[in-house]
N, C-alpha and C. Protein backbone atom coordinates (compact mmCIF):
# COMPACT_ATOMS: atom_id res chain seq x y z
N MET A 1 -17.93 20.05 5.58
CA MET A 1 -17.70 18.61 5.00
C MET A 1 -15.97 18.58 4.65
N ALA A 2 -15.32 19.70 4.36
CA ALA A 2 -14.33 19.89 3.97
C ALA A 2 -13.10 19.38 5.22
N ASN A 3 -13.92 20.14 6.35
CA ASN A 3 -13.32 19.73 8.10
C ASN A 3 -13.04 18.16 8.17
N ASP A 4 -14.42 17.79 7.51
CA ASP A 4 -14.69 16.49 8.06
C ASP A 4 -13.56 15.53 6.79
N THR A 5 -12.99 15.87 5.73
CA THR A 5 -12.33 15.37 4.88
C THR A 5 -10.92 15.50 6.13
N HIS A 6 -10.40 16.35 6.22
CA HIS A 6 -9.17 16.84 6.86
C HIS A 6 -8.93 15.72 7.95
N THR A 7 -10.06 16.01 8.83
CA THR A 7 -9.91 15.06 9.89
C THR A 7 -9.73 13.84 9.66
N ILE A 8 -10.51 12.85 8.77
CA ILE A 8 -10.27 11.34 8.47
C ILE A 8 -8.76 11.52 7.30
N GLY A 9 -8.41 12.32 7.17
CA GLY A 9 -7.05 12.03 6.47
C GLY A 9 -6.21 11.94 7.50
N TYR A 10 -6.23 13.12 8.75
CA TYR A 10 -5.26 12.76 9.42
C TYR A 10 -5.61 11.51 10.39
N LEU A 11 -6.85 11.43 10.94
CA LEU A 11 -6.74 9.82 11.81
C LEU A 11 -6.25 8.88 10.89
N GLN A 12 -6.44 8.66 9.28
CA GLN A 12 -5.96 7.59 8.65
C GLN A 12 -4.29 7.79 8.25
N ALA A 13 -3.48 9.08 8.86
CA ALA A 13 -2.17 8.96 8.49
C ALA A 13 -1.85 8.56 9.87
N PHE A 14 -2.62 8.80 10.90
CA PHE A 14 -1.81 8.48 12.69
C PHE A 14 -2.03 6.87 12.22
N ILE A 15 -3.09 6.41 11.72
CA ILE A 15 -3.20 4.43 11.81
C ILE A 15 -2.12 4.24 11.26
N LYS A 16 -1.52 4.93 9.79
CA LYS A 16 -0.83 4.08 9.13
C LYS A 16 0.53 4.52 9.85
N ALA A 17 0.80 5.90 10.68
CA ALA A 17 2.17 5.36 11.33
C ALA A 17 1.88 4.79 12.59
N GLU A 18 0.96 4.42 13.16
CA GLU A 18 0.88 3.45 14.15
C GLU A 18 1.39 1.85 13.64
N GLY A 19 0.74 1.77 12.64
CA GLY A 19 1.03 0.25 12.37
C GLY A 19 2.39 0.01 11.72
N LEU A 20 3.10 1.18 11.26
CA LEU A 20 4.33 1.19 11.07
C LEU A 20 5.11 0.97 12.59
N ARG A 21 4.79 1.46 13.11
CA ARG A 21 5.36 1.94 14.83
C ARG A 21 5.49 0.14 15.37
N GLN A 22 4.13 -0.19 14.96
CA GLN A 22 3.82 -1.58 15.77
C GLN A 22 4.97 -2.61 15.00
N ARG A 23 4.85 -2.61 13.82
CA ARG A 23 6.28 -3.32 13.39
C ARG A 23 7.34 -3.22 13.70
N ALA A 24 7.93 -1.89 14.12
CA ALA A 24 9.51 -1.35 14.00
C ALA A 24 9.31 -1.98 15.83
N ILE A 25 8.44 -2.24 16.50
CA ILE A 25 8.38 -2.49 18.02
C ILE A 25 8.79 -4.11 18.17
N ALA A 26 7.73 -4.84 16.89
CA ALA A 26 7.79 -5.96 17.02
C ALA A 26 9.40 -6.35 16.51
N ASN A 27 9.90 -5.81 15.75
CA ASN A 27 11.42 -6.27 15.19
C ASN A 27 12.37 -6.12 15.92
N ASN A 28 12.10 -5.00 16.88
CA ASN A 28 12.85 -4.26 18.19
C ASN A 28 12.92 -6.06 18.91
N VAL A 29 11.79 -6.53 19.02
CA VAL A 29 11.37 -7.74 19.95
C VAL A 29 12.01 -8.79 19.50
N ALA A 30 12.29 -8.88 18.17
CA ALA A 30 12.53 -9.88 17.49
C ALA A 30 13.97 -9.85 17.80
N ASN A 31 14.79 -8.63 17.79
CA ASN A 31 16.09 -8.99 17.66
C ASN A 31 16.54 -8.63 19.09
N LEU A 32 16.08 -9.07 20.11
CA LEU A 32 16.35 -8.73 21.77
C LEU A 32 17.55 -9.10 21.66
N ASN A 33 17.98 -10.40 21.20
CA ASN A 33 19.52 -10.85 21.51
C ASN A 33 20.44 -10.71 20.26
N THR A 34 20.11 -9.85 19.50
CA THR A 34 20.89 -10.04 18.35
C THR A 34 22.14 -8.47 18.57
N PRO A 35 23.57 -9.89 18.69
CA PRO A 35 24.70 -8.77 18.85
C PRO A 35 24.69 -7.23 17.83
N GLY A 36 24.80 -6.26 18.81
CA GLY A 36 24.81 -5.17 17.75
C GLY A 36 23.78 -4.17 17.31
N TYR A 37 22.87 -4.91 17.80
CA TYR A 37 21.44 -4.39 17.06
C TYR A 37 21.12 -3.23 17.90
N ARG A 38 20.46 -2.07 17.13
CA ARG A 38 20.29 -1.05 17.90
C ARG A 38 18.64 -0.75 17.54
N ARG A 39 17.43 -0.54 18.60
CA ARG A 39 16.13 -0.16 18.50
C ARG A 39 15.99 0.65 17.43
N HIS A 40 14.56 0.30 16.85
CA HIS A 40 14.21 1.65 16.14
C HIS A 40 12.74 2.04 16.54
N ASP A 41 12.39 3.24 16.00
CA ASP A 41 11.11 3.80 16.20
C ASP A 41 11.08 4.61 15.41
N ILE A 42 9.52 5.44 15.24
CA ILE A 42 9.03 5.68 14.27
C ILE A 42 8.49 7.52 14.72
N ARG A 43 8.81 8.24 13.67
CA ARG A 43 9.14 9.66 13.94
C ARG A 43 7.78 9.81 13.51
N PHE A 44 6.36 10.21 13.96
CA PHE A 44 5.56 10.92 12.64
C PHE A 44 4.65 12.37 13.49
N GLU A 45 4.43 12.22 14.55
CA GLU A 45 4.21 13.10 15.70
C GLU A 45 4.86 14.49 15.18
N GLU A 46 6.19 14.51 15.34
CA GLU A 46 6.56 16.04 15.20
C GLU A 46 6.78 16.17 13.80
N ILE A 47 6.52 15.57 12.73
CA ILE A 47 6.40 15.89 11.43
C ILE A 47 5.05 16.30 11.18
N PHE A 48 4.23 15.92 11.99
CA PHE A 48 2.74 16.46 11.75
C PHE A 48 2.39 17.22 12.15
N ALA A 49 2.96 17.99 13.08
CA ALA A 49 2.70 19.20 14.16
C ALA A 49 3.53 20.28 13.61
N GLU A 50 4.57 19.70 12.80
CA GLU A 50 5.42 20.87 12.23
C GLU A 50 4.80 21.34 10.79
N ALA A 51 4.20 20.15 9.95
CA ALA A 51 3.40 20.75 8.82
C ALA A 51 2.19 21.54 9.50
N ILE A 52 1.36 21.09 10.27
CA ILE A 52 -0.09 21.71 10.61
C ILE A 52 0.44 23.30 10.98
N ASP A 53 1.37 23.26 11.56
CA ASP A 53 2.26 24.60 12.42
C ASP A 53 2.43 25.82 10.75
N LYS A 54 2.76 25.09 10.04
CA LYS A 54 3.31 25.88 8.41
C LYS A 54 2.07 25.79 7.60
N GLY A 55 0.95 25.60 8.28
CA GLY A 55 -0.84 25.51 7.35
C GLY A 55 -0.61 24.41 6.28
N LYS A 56 0.50 23.30 6.36
CA LYS A 56 0.27 22.24 5.29
C LYS A 56 -1.06 21.04 5.45
N SER A 57 -1.41 20.76 4.74
CA SER A 57 -2.75 19.24 4.84
C SER A 57 -1.74 18.27 4.48
N ILE A 58 -2.46 17.21 5.13
CA ILE A 58 -1.89 15.93 5.17
C ILE A 58 -1.87 15.97 3.31
N GLN A 59 -2.92 16.09 2.44
CA GLN A 59 -2.75 15.84 1.10
C GLN A 59 -1.32 16.36 0.26
N GLU A 60 -1.48 17.83 0.94
CA GLU A 60 -0.68 18.59 -0.07
C GLU A 60 0.81 17.99 0.21
N ASP A 61 1.42 17.85 1.71
CA ASP A 61 2.68 17.31 1.88
C ASP A 61 2.77 15.90 1.89
N GLY A 62 2.13 15.20 1.73
CA GLY A 62 2.08 13.28 1.69
C GLY A 62 2.86 13.09 3.18
N LEU A 63 2.62 13.89 3.88
CA LEU A 63 2.99 13.56 5.26
C LEU A 63 3.48 11.34 5.25
N GLU A 64 4.90 11.48 5.47
CA GLU A 64 5.17 9.78 5.60
C GLU A 64 5.72 9.87 6.95
N PRO A 65 5.57 8.51 8.07
CA PRO A 65 6.34 8.28 9.34
C PRO A 65 7.51 8.26 8.70
N GLU A 66 8.66 8.41 9.86
CA GLU A 66 9.82 8.26 9.37
C GLU A 66 10.58 7.25 10.14
N LEU A 67 11.27 5.93 9.98
CA LEU A 67 11.90 5.19 10.52
C LEU A 67 13.00 5.91 11.21
N PHE A 68 13.50 5.73 12.48
CA PHE A 68 14.98 5.75 12.68
C PHE A 68 15.21 5.35 13.87
N GLN A 69 16.56 5.50 14.41
CA GLN A 69 17.03 4.94 15.47
C GLN A 69 17.67 5.92 16.50
N PRO A 70 16.66 5.79 17.60
CA PRO A 70 16.81 6.90 18.47
C PRO A 70 18.26 6.93 19.43
N LYS A 71 18.92 5.86 19.75
CA LYS A 71 20.22 5.56 20.37
C LYS A 71 20.23 6.60 21.52
N ASN A 72 19.08 7.14 22.36
CA ASN A 72 19.01 7.27 23.43
C ASN A 72 18.90 6.06 24.90
N THR A 73 19.02 4.84 24.37
CA THR A 73 19.00 3.60 25.49
C THR A 73 20.42 3.26 25.68
N PRO A 74 20.76 2.79 26.77
CA PRO A 74 21.83 2.38 27.34
C PRO A 74 22.01 0.67 26.25
N VAL A 75 23.51 0.99 26.31
CA VAL A 75 23.61 -0.23 25.34
C VAL A 75 24.26 -1.40 25.87
N ASN A 76 23.82 -2.83 26.09
CA ASN A 76 24.39 -3.53 26.96
C ASN A 76 25.50 -4.40 26.39
N THR A 77 26.37 -5.45 26.95
CA THR A 77 27.55 -5.83 26.59
C THR A 77 27.79 -6.45 25.35
N ASN A 78 26.94 -6.78 24.95
CA ASN A 78 26.84 -7.18 23.48
C ASN A 78 26.39 -6.03 22.06
N GLY A 79 26.18 -4.84 22.57
CA GLY A 79 26.15 -3.58 21.83
C GLY A 79 24.88 -3.33 21.50
N ASN A 80 23.57 -4.24 22.05
CA ASN A 80 22.61 -4.23 21.65
C ASN A 80 21.62 -3.21 22.83
N ASP A 81 20.32 -2.32 22.35
CA ASP A 81 19.62 -1.20 23.17
C ASP A 81 18.47 -1.89 22.92
N VAL A 82 18.19 -2.78 23.04
CA VAL A 82 16.66 -3.65 23.14
C VAL A 82 16.26 -4.09 24.86
N VAL A 83 15.27 -3.51 25.41
CA VAL A 83 14.68 -3.57 26.47
C VAL A 83 13.43 -3.87 26.52
N LEU A 84 13.17 -5.62 26.78
CA LEU A 84 11.67 -5.92 26.66
C LEU A 84 11.35 -5.21 27.40
N ASP A 85 10.87 -4.79 28.65
CA ASP A 85 9.95 -4.49 29.18
C ASP A 85 9.48 -3.44 28.82
N SER A 86 10.38 -2.31 28.30
CA SER A 86 10.02 -1.10 27.69
C SER A 86 9.41 -1.34 26.20
N GLU A 87 9.88 -2.18 25.44
CA GLU A 87 9.52 -2.74 24.15
C GLU A 87 7.85 -3.00 24.20
N VAL A 88 7.69 -3.63 25.61
CA VAL A 88 6.18 -4.13 25.57
C VAL A 88 5.68 -2.86 26.01
N GLY A 89 5.95 -2.00 27.05
CA GLY A 89 5.36 -0.90 27.37
C GLY A 89 4.53 -0.09 25.86
N GLU A 90 5.81 0.11 25.10
CA GLU A 90 5.36 0.96 24.07
C GLU A 90 4.23 0.10 23.35
N MET A 91 4.65 -0.94 23.11
CA MET A 91 3.31 -1.45 22.45
C MET A 91 2.43 -1.21 22.75
N ILE A 92 2.15 -1.28 23.97
CA ILE A 92 0.68 -1.11 24.85
C ILE A 92 0.08 0.08 24.27
N LYS A 93 1.13 0.99 24.33
CA LYS A 93 0.57 2.36 24.45
C LYS A 93 0.12 2.84 22.88
N ASN A 94 1.31 1.75 21.78
CA ASN A 94 0.91 2.16 20.59
C ASN A 94 -0.74 1.24 20.11
N SER A 95 -0.91 0.13 20.65
CA SER A 95 -2.17 -0.30 20.76
C SER A 95 -3.25 -0.01 20.87
N LEU A 96 -3.22 0.91 22.04
CA LEU A 96 -4.15 1.73 22.75
C LEU A 96 -4.03 2.90 22.17
N ARG A 97 -3.37 3.65 21.34
CA ARG A 97 -3.57 5.07 20.15
C ARG A 97 -4.30 4.36 18.78
N HIS A 98 -3.68 3.12 18.59
CA HIS A 98 -4.25 2.72 17.21
C HIS A 98 -5.78 2.51 17.27
N GLU A 99 -6.27 2.07 18.58
CA GLU A 99 -7.72 1.72 19.29
C GLU A 99 -8.38 2.86 18.81
N THR A 100 -7.58 3.69 19.49
CA THR A 100 -8.62 4.96 19.84
C THR A 100 -8.68 5.95 18.63
N TYR A 101 -7.44 6.05 17.49
CA TYR A 101 -7.80 6.54 16.24
C TYR A 101 -8.97 5.87 15.49
N MET A 102 -8.64 4.11 15.35
CA MET A 102 -9.73 3.37 14.80
C MET A 102 -11.66 4.13 15.05
N LEU A 103 -11.54 4.04 16.46
CA LEU A 103 -12.55 4.41 17.23
C LEU A 103 -13.30 5.84 16.77
N LEU A 104 -12.16 6.39 16.50
CA LEU A 104 -12.38 8.35 16.29
C LEU A 104 -12.62 7.99 14.72
N LEU A 105 -11.81 7.13 13.73
CA LEU A 105 -12.74 7.16 12.33
C LEU A 105 -14.06 6.51 12.03
N LYS A 106 -14.05 5.44 12.60
CA LYS A 106 -15.83 4.92 12.88
C LYS A 106 -16.59 6.16 13.31
N LYS A 107 -16.30 6.33 14.18
CA LYS A 107 -17.31 7.70 14.87
C LYS A 107 -17.66 8.67 13.55
N LYS A 108 -16.46 9.13 13.17
CA LYS A 108 -16.47 10.06 12.04
C LYS A 108 -17.56 9.88 10.71
N TYR A 109 -17.22 8.67 10.56
CA TYR A 109 -17.71 7.63 9.07
C TYR A 109 -19.41 7.80 9.79
N ALA A 110 -19.66 7.01 10.89
CA ALA A 110 -21.06 7.20 11.30
C ALA A 110 -21.73 8.39 11.37
N GLN A 111 -21.18 9.70 11.63
CA GLN A 111 -21.57 11.04 11.66
C GLN A 111 -21.91 11.29 10.30
N MET A 112 -20.91 11.17 9.62
CA MET A 112 -21.12 11.27 8.01
C MET A 112 -22.33 10.62 7.11
N GLN A 113 -22.33 9.53 7.61
CA GLN A 113 -23.29 8.34 7.38
C GLN A 113 -25.22 9.08 7.61
N GLU A 114 -24.99 9.18 9.46
CA GLU A 114 -25.98 9.91 9.91
C GLU A 114 -26.63 11.28 9.40
N ALA A 115 -25.77 11.94 8.50
CA ALA A 115 -26.29 13.37 8.12
C ALA A 115 -26.55 13.30 6.59
N LEU A 116 -26.06 11.96 6.07
CA LEU A 116 -26.53 11.70 4.34
C LEU A 116 -27.99 10.93 4.38
N ARG A 117 -28.45 10.64 6.08
CA ARG A 117 -29.71 9.95 6.20
C ARG A 117 -30.82 11.02 6.42
N ALA A 118 -30.30 11.99 7.15
CA ALA A 118 -31.15 13.07 7.41
C ALA A 118 -32.14 14.04 6.61
N PRO A 119 -33.03 14.28 6.76
CA PRO A 119 -34.00 14.47 5.51
C PRO A 119 -33.76 16.40 5.32
């Protein structure tokens, strides 16, 4: 059961990160034509991997996604670096990851529920 608890905690943390990432992408799209605006993204996978490598659990470390500006995309003439096609692609990838995590979480709860029903 402890393993299940960790798995559920991990999935919930990733779902939270993907939700924040979706809001960041939406904000990027909303600021597509804002002069000087630099796109934002979420750093979580690296934070999660580092915590796992150090043997920490989600509960111990209180892992939180981190909002940051990558500043690795070309800036256009008005100082903005948001590219609509790239943001749409990121939104699709993010939505698919979010859906996958939700399905895995649903399956994990169904397994636990089935185990409780077993004689």
